[in-house]
Amino acid sequence: MTDNRFLNRRSFMIAAGAAGLASTRAQAQAAFPTRPITLIVPFAAGGSTDIVARLVGQKMGELLGQNVVIENRAGAGGNIGSTAVARATPDGYTLLLGTISTHALNPAILKTVTFDAVKDFTPISLLAIVPNVMVVHPSFPAKTVKEVIELLKANPGKYSYASSGVGTPLHLSGELFKSLGGVQMNHVPYRGAGPALNDVVAGAVPIMFDNLPSSAGFIRNGQLRAIGVTTKERVSSFPEVPTIAESGLAGYETYTWNALFGPANMPRPIVDKLNQIANQALKDENVKKRLNDVSADIVGSTPEELGEHVKVELAKWAPIAKASGAVVE
């Protein structure tokens, strides 16, 4: 005969243990963070994603009372760093500064898919939308979109353009320009926008489609010449620079965005805390000024809004990425 007193006592102990564990987890989440957070930037240092990560990450660290350590883990168009976060422990201590590349383009162009852009990440906040810009070395003879097209048509295949890698928004910006303009340029992919930009500034490659934040300083000091921005409207920080669309290529528009993600299945209290801190960091006057200076359009969002944004971007860009024929090994 089973002793009901034993069963009741055993059930009580199990329930008490479960309650204690839940309480411990709740306390740990409430105390979060208790050590530094690693924010992985899946591109080389110096590009616009790196700029946004360092500005926002530093302020988040101040607000959280723990360092937010930026780790650049470049390669495969952002795939290497993104995969590392997708496979990390979902405790809030490993985060990703994701972009249109990692969460909209890579799923369409990766030869081997190592993560699901929707299922393998916890959305936290959409931080900023960033315009791109067509820049050239000052020695490049053309100064307008019309002159660039005329020069390229007169010299098919003579000139090259740099990008942050195969299948990135900067690569597709160049391919869209070639398609709409009916011109030929050679594509020179780099392992990130920073190294590509360095070679364009040095004159090794004459043309680049870059994120405006990383090119802004070089444009202002005359080391690069801005031909046109890639958004529908001109940007406030460079009102004198026309859009590529208004300069003759109707319908031309590209951009990128930066957002904060964690691994899938992060505890909701930690997600909410990181969302609150990220959006609070975006409201800091110094952060706002510095992001505005480089033409990043500050957003800030709920986790749900970011999740929906990713789905919309996947549907929009997948056909364009596939049409480019770009493949990332």
Protein backbone atom coordinates (compact mmCIF):
# COMPACT_ATOMS: atom_id res chain seq x y z
CA MET A 1 0.00 0.00 0.00
CA THR A 2 1.30 3.41 -0.93
CA ASP A 3 1.82 5.86 1.92
CA ASN A 4 -0.11 9.00 0.91
CA ARG A 5 1.81 10.98 3.49
CA PHE A 6 5.03 10.16 1.63
CA LEU A 7 3.52 11.16 -1.72
CA ASN A 8 2.18 14.40 -0.32
CA ARG A 9 5.52 15.25 1.22
CA ARG A 10 7.36 14.35 -2.00
CA SER A 11 4.95 16.46 -4.08
CA PHE A 12 5.38 19.35 -1.67
CA MET A 13 9.17 19.13 -1.93
CA ILE A 14 9.06 19.04 -5.74
CA ALA A 15 6.69 22.01 -5.84
CA ALA A 16 8.82 23.92 -3.33
CA GLY A 17 11.94 23.18 -5.34
CA ALA A 18 10.31 24.35 -8.55
CA ALA A 19 9.09 27.50 -6.86
CA GLY A 20 12.55 28.12 -5.48
CA LEU A 21 14.12 27.66 -8.91
CA ALA A 22 11.56 29.99 -10.48
CA SER A 23 12.26 32.53 -7.76
CA THR A 24 16.01 32.26 -8.34
CA ARG A 25 15.54 32.76 -12.08
CA ALA A 26 13.25 35.73 -11.49
CA GLN A 27 15.81 37.29 -9.15
CA ALA A 28 18.60 36.72 -11.68
CA GLN A 29 16.53 38.33 -14.42
CA ALA A 30 15.64 41.25 -12.17
CA ALA A 31 19.32 41.78 -11.37
CA PHE A 32 20.34 41.54 -15.05
CA PRO A 33 23.01 42.33 -16.04
CA THR A 34 25.56 41.21 -13.49
CA ARG A 35 28.49 41.07 -15.92
CA PRO A 36 29.54 42.68 -19.25
CA ILE A 37 27.38 42.14 -22.33
CA THR A 38 28.93 41.23 -25.68
CA LEU A 39 27.41 42.98 -28.68
CA ILE A 40 28.56 41.24 -31.85
CA VAL A 41 28.90 43.38 -34.97
CA PRO A 42 29.01 40.92 -37.89
CA PHE A 43 31.12 43.24 -40.04
CA ALA A 44 34.57 44.81 -39.89
CA ALA A 45 35.25 47.85 -37.74
CA GLY A 46 34.77 51.24 -39.38
CA GLY A 47 31.50 50.67 -41.22
CA SER A 48 28.14 52.24 -40.36
CA THR A 49 26.95 49.19 -38.39
CA ASP A 50 30.07 49.45 -36.23
CA ILE A 51 29.46 53.19 -35.73
CA VAL A 52 25.87 52.67 -34.58
CA ALA A 53 26.88 49.75 -32.34
CA ARG A 54 29.58 51.74 -30.56
CA LEU A 55 27.42 54.85 -30.05
CA VAL A 56 24.37 52.99 -28.78
CA GLY A 57 26.33 50.27 -26.99
CA GLN A 58 28.37 52.72 -24.95
CA LYS A 59 25.26 54.54 -23.76
CA MET A 60 23.46 51.28 -23.00
CA GLY A 61 26.44 50.23 -20.89
CA GLU A 62 26.26 53.46 -18.91
CA LEU A 63 22.54 53.00 -18.29
CA LEU A 64 22.88 49.32 -17.36
CA GLY A 65 25.92 49.80 -15.13
CA GLN A 66 27.86 47.14 -17.07
CA ASN A 67 30.16 47.39 -20.07
CA VAL A 68 28.72 46.56 -23.48
CA VAL A 69 31.73 45.12 -25.29
CA ILE A 70 31.71 45.48 -29.08
CA GLU A 71 33.09 42.42 -30.85
CA ASN A 72 33.60 42.61 -34.63
CA ARG A 73 33.17 39.16 -36.11
CA ALA A 74 33.18 39.72 -39.88
CA GLY A 75 32.77 37.33 -42.77
CA ALA A 76 30.26 35.89 -45.27
CA GLY A 77 28.23 39.09 -45.48
CA GLY A 78 27.50 39.06 -41.77
CA ASN A 79 26.69 35.36 -41.61
CA ILE A 80 29.53 34.33 -39.28
CA GLY A 81 28.72 36.79 -36.50
CA SER A 82 24.98 36.26 -36.85
CA THR A 83 25.31 32.49 -36.60
CA ALA A 84 27.39 32.87 -33.44
CA VAL A 85 24.59 34.83 -31.78
CA ALA A 86 21.88 32.44 -33.02
CA ARG A 87 23.74 29.60 -31.27
CA ALA A 88 24.56 31.51 -28.09
CA THR A 89 22.93 30.96 -24.70
CA PRO A 90 19.74 33.08 -24.61
CA ASP A 91 20.57 34.84 -21.36
CA GLY A 92 20.94 38.39 -22.70
CA TYR A 93 24.73 38.46 -22.48
CA THR A 94 25.34 37.88 -26.19
CA LEU A 95 23.56 40.22 -28.59
CA LEU A 96 23.68 41.01 -32.31
CA LEU A 97 23.67 44.31 -34.17
CA GLY A 98 21.69 42.94 -37.11
CA THR A 99 21.12 44.60 -40.46
CA ILE A 100 19.22 44.28 -43.69
CA SER A 101 22.03 41.95 -44.80
CA THR A 102 21.80 39.51 -41.90
CA HIS A 103 18.01 39.40 -41.68
CA ALA A 104 16.70 40.08 -45.20
CA LEU A 105 19.38 39.46 -47.84
CA ASN A 106 21.45 36.56 -46.50
CA PRO A 107 18.51 34.16 -46.29
CA ALA A 108 18.07 34.63 -50.06
CA ILE A 109 21.70 34.40 -51.13
CA LEU A 110 23.46 32.07 -48.69
CA LYS A 111 24.53 28.85 -50.34
CA THR A 112 24.24 27.14 -46.96
CA VAL A 113 21.68 28.60 -44.57
CA THR A 114 22.99 28.35 -41.00
CA PHE A 115 20.19 30.22 -39.24
CA ASP A 116 16.57 31.23 -39.64
CA ALA A 117 16.25 35.02 -39.61
CA VAL A 118 12.91 34.82 -37.83
CA LYS A 119 12.96 31.68 -35.68
CA ASP A 120 16.57 31.79 -34.42
CA PHE A 121 16.55 35.31 -32.97
CA THR A 122 14.71 37.34 -30.37
CA PRO A 123 13.94 40.83 -31.73
CA ILE A 124 14.68 43.62 -29.25
CA SER A 125 14.59 47.02 -31.00
CA LEU A 126 14.94 48.59 -34.44
CA LEU A 127 17.54 51.27 -33.78
CA ALA A 128 18.05 53.23 -37.00
CA ILE A 129 17.50 53.33 -40.75
CA VAL A 130 20.58 54.38 -42.68
CA PRO A 131 20.77 55.90 -46.18
CA ASN A 132 23.44 54.83 -48.64
CA VAL A 133 25.47 57.14 -50.85
CA MET A 134 27.40 56.80 -54.10
CA VAL A 135 30.88 58.19 -53.56
CA VAL A 136 33.94 58.47 -55.81
CA HIS A 137 37.59 59.32 -55.35
CA PRO A 138 38.22 63.04 -56.05
CA SER A 139 40.32 62.10 -59.08
CA PHE A 140 37.34 60.40 -60.74
CA PRO A 141 36.38 62.58 -63.73
CA ALA A 142 32.58 62.44 -63.36
CA LYS A 143 30.79 64.69 -60.87
CA THR A 144 27.10 63.90 -61.41
CA VAL A 145 24.99 60.79 -61.95
CA LYS A 146 24.53 61.77 -65.59
CA GLU A 147 28.29 62.20 -66.08
CA VAL A 148 29.00 58.87 -64.33
CA ILE A 149 26.60 57.04 -66.65
CA GLU A 150 28.08 58.71 -69.73
CA LEU A 151 31.62 57.85 -68.62
CA LEU A 152 30.77 54.22 -67.86
CA LYS A 153 28.95 53.78 -71.16
CA ALA A 154 31.93 55.19 -73.02
CA ASN A 155 34.28 52.85 -71.13
CA PRO A 156 32.41 49.58 -70.47
CA GLY A 157 34.19 47.43 -67.90
CA LYS A 158 37.01 49.92 -67.32
CA TYR A 159 35.91 51.11 -63.88
CA SER A 160 35.27 49.17 -60.68
CA TYR A 161 33.19 49.75 -57.58
CA ALA A 162 33.92 48.50 -54.06
CA SER A 163 31.42 47.01 -51.63
CA SER A 164 31.33 45.47 -48.17
CA GLY A 165 30.87 41.99 -49.64
CA VAL A 166 28.89 39.84 -52.05
CA GLY A 167 25.15 40.13 -51.52
CA THR A 168 25.33 43.08 -49.12
CA PRO A 169 23.11 46.15 -49.56
CA LEU A 170 26.15 48.02 -50.87
CA HIS A 171 26.74 45.36 -53.52
CA LEU A 172 23.07 45.38 -54.53
CA SER A 173 23.11 49.19 -54.64
CA GLY A 174 25.80 48.95 -57.31
CA GLU A 175 24.00 46.21 -59.21
CA LEU A 176 20.77 48.23 -59.22
CA PHE A 177 22.69 51.25 -60.55
CA LYS A 178 24.18 49.11 -63.33
CA SER A 179 20.78 47.70 -64.24
CA LEU A 180 18.85 50.96 -64.30
CA GLY A 181 21.69 52.90 -65.92
CA GLY A 182 22.53 50.27 -68.52
CA VAL A 183 26.22 50.42 -67.63
CA GLN A 184 29.06 48.01 -66.83
CA MET A 185 31.27 48.15 -63.72
CA ASN A 186 33.45 45.51 -62.12
CA HIS A 187 32.48 44.55 -58.57
CA VAL A 188 35.29 44.40 -55.98
CA PRO A 189 33.97 42.83 -52.75
CA TYR A 190 35.70 43.38 -49.40
CA ARG A 191 35.30 41.89 -45.94
CA GLY A 192 33.33 44.82 -44.62
CA ALA A 193 32.67 48.46 -45.47
CA GLY A 194 35.69 49.73 -43.53
CA PRO A 195 38.38 48.03 -45.66
CA ALA A 196 36.49 48.88 -48.86
CA LEU A 197 36.22 52.52 -47.87
CA ASN A 198 39.93 52.71 -47.08
CA ASP A 199 40.81 51.57 -50.60
CA VAL A 200 38.41 54.04 -52.21
CA VAL A 201 39.86 56.90 -50.14
CA ALA A 202 43.34 55.74 -51.19
CA GLY A 203 42.29 55.69 -54.85
CA ALA A 204 42.75 51.94 -55.36
CA VAL A 205 39.09 51.62 -56.41
CA PRO A 206 37.33 54.71 -57.82
CA ILE A 207 33.67 54.12 -56.87
CA MET A 208 31.73 52.84 -53.88
CA PHE A 209 28.14 52.61 -52.72
CA ASP A 210 28.51 53.07 -48.98
CA ASN A 211 26.39 53.65 -45.91
CA LEU A 212 26.34 57.42 -45.45
CA PRO A 213 27.44 57.36 -41.77
CA SER A 214 30.82 55.81 -42.55
CA SER A 215 31.47 58.07 -45.59
CA ALA A 216 30.21 61.32 -44.07
CA GLY A 217 33.54 62.45 -42.59
CA PHE A 218 35.44 61.71 -45.80
CA ILE A 219 32.87 63.64 -47.83
CA ARG A 220 33.10 66.65 -45.52
CA ASN A 221 36.90 66.80 -45.61
CA GLY A 222 37.11 66.35 -49.36
CA GLN A 223 38.64 62.87 -49.42
CA LEU A 224 35.55 61.56 -51.23
CA ARG A 225 33.04 63.19 -53.56
CA ALA A 226 29.35 62.39 -53.05
CA ILE A 227 27.53 61.74 -56.33
CA GLY A 228 24.09 61.02 -54.91
CA VAL A 229 22.19 59.52 -51.97
CA THR A 230 20.20 56.35 -52.52
CA THR A 231 17.01 57.23 -50.64
CA LYS A 232 13.81 58.73 -52.07
CA GLU A 233 14.44 62.06 -50.34
CA ARG A 234 17.57 64.11 -49.77
CA VAL A 235 19.10 63.83 -46.32
CA SER A 236 19.24 66.72 -43.86
CA SER A 237 22.97 66.42 -43.13
CA PHE A 238 23.88 66.76 -46.83
CA PRO A 239 21.01 68.75 -48.38
CA GLU A 240 23.19 69.75 -51.33
CA VAL A 241 23.66 66.15 -52.43
CA PRO A 242 20.86 65.08 -54.82
CA THR A 243 19.22 61.69 -54.80
CA ILE A 244 20.22 59.25 -57.51
CA ALA A 245 16.54 58.95 -58.44
CA GLU A 246 16.09 62.69 -59.03
CA SER A 247 19.35 62.76 -60.99
CA GLY A 248 18.07 60.52 -63.75
CA LEU A 249 17.51 56.99 -62.44
CA ALA A 250 13.82 57.03 -61.58
CA GLY A 251 12.81 54.37 -59.06
CA TYR A 252 16.31 53.96 -57.64
CA GLU A 253 16.21 53.40 -53.86
CA THR A 254 18.34 51.40 -51.44
CA TYR A 255 19.10 51.68 -47.72
CA THR A 256 20.09 49.64 -44.71
CA TRP A 257 19.00 49.43 -41.09
CA ASN A 258 20.44 48.47 -37.73
CA ALA A 259 18.58 46.51 -35.09
CA LEU A 260 19.27 44.78 -31.80
CA PHE A 261 18.66 41.02 -31.58
CA GLY A 262 19.38 38.22 -29.13
CA PRO A 263 19.26 34.44 -29.53
CA ALA A 264 15.81 32.82 -29.68
CA ASN A 265 13.93 32.12 -26.45
CA MET A 266 15.32 34.94 -24.34
CA PRO A 267 13.33 35.53 -21.13
CA ARG A 268 10.77 38.27 -21.65
CA PRO A 269 11.87 40.34 -18.60
CA ILE A 270 15.39 40.56 -20.05
CA VAL A 271 14.06 41.41 -23.52
CA ASP A 272 11.91 44.17 -22.04
CA LYS A 273 14.82 45.59 -20.04
CA LEU A 274 17.15 45.64 -23.04
CA ASN A 275 14.43 47.19 -25.19
CA GLN A 276 13.83 49.91 -22.61
CA ILE A 277 17.55 50.66 -22.27
CA ALA A 278 18.18 50.63 -26.04
CA ASN A 279 15.33 53.05 -26.70
CA GLN A 280 16.45 55.22 -23.80
CA ALA A 281 19.97 55.32 -25.26
CA LEU A 282 18.54 56.53 -28.59
CA LYS A 283 16.93 59.49 -26.77
CA ASP A 284 20.24 60.64 -25.28
CA GLU A 285 21.09 64.06 -26.73
CA ASN A 286 24.69 63.15 -27.53
CA VAL A 287 23.71 59.89 -29.21
CA LYS A 288 20.96 61.66 -31.18
CA LYS A 289 23.34 64.38 -32.32
CA ARG A 290 26.07 62.00 -33.40
CA LEU A 291 23.68 59.71 -35.25
CA ASN A 292 22.00 62.69 -36.92
CA ASP A 293 25.42 64.04 -37.89
CA VAL A 294 25.99 60.92 -39.96
CA SER A 295 22.40 60.92 -41.32
CA ALA A 296 21.18 57.86 -39.46
CA ASP A 297 17.40 58.12 -39.04
CA ILE A 298 16.72 57.14 -35.41
CA VAL A 299 13.76 54.80 -34.92
CA GLY A 300 13.45 52.83 -31.66
CA SER A 301 10.70 50.20 -31.57
CA THR A 302 9.02 47.47 -29.58
CA PRO A 303 10.25 43.88 -30.01
CA GLU A 304 7.02 43.07 -31.87
CA GLU A 305 7.49 45.96 -34.30
CA LEU A 306 11.01 44.78 -35.09
CA GLY A 307 9.77 41.23 -35.61
CA GLU A 308 7.18 42.44 -38.12
CA HIS A 309 9.76 44.68 -39.82
CA VAL A 310 12.01 41.67 -40.45
CA LYS A 311 9.17 39.74 -42.09
CA VAL A 312 8.30 42.68 -44.36
CA GLU A 313 11.94 43.16 -45.36
CA LEU A 314 12.37 39.46 -46.14
CA ALA A 315 9.39 39.57 -48.49
CA LYS A 316 10.63 42.77 -50.15
CA TRP A 317 14.30 42.01 -50.69
CA ALA A 318 14.37 38.27 -51.35
CA PRO A 319 13.31 38.62 -55.02
CA ILE A 320 15.82 41.45 -55.59
CA ALA A 321 18.68 39.51 -54.00
CA LYS A 322 17.92 36.39 -56.01
CA ALA A 323 17.67 38.39 -59.25
CA SER A 324 21.18 39.75 -58.66
CA GLY A 325 22.59 36.22 -58.90
CA ALA A 326 24.69 36.85 -55.78
CA VAL A 327 25.73 33.74 -53.85
CA VAL A 328 27.58 33.69 -50.53
CA GLU A 329 29.48 30.46 -49.84
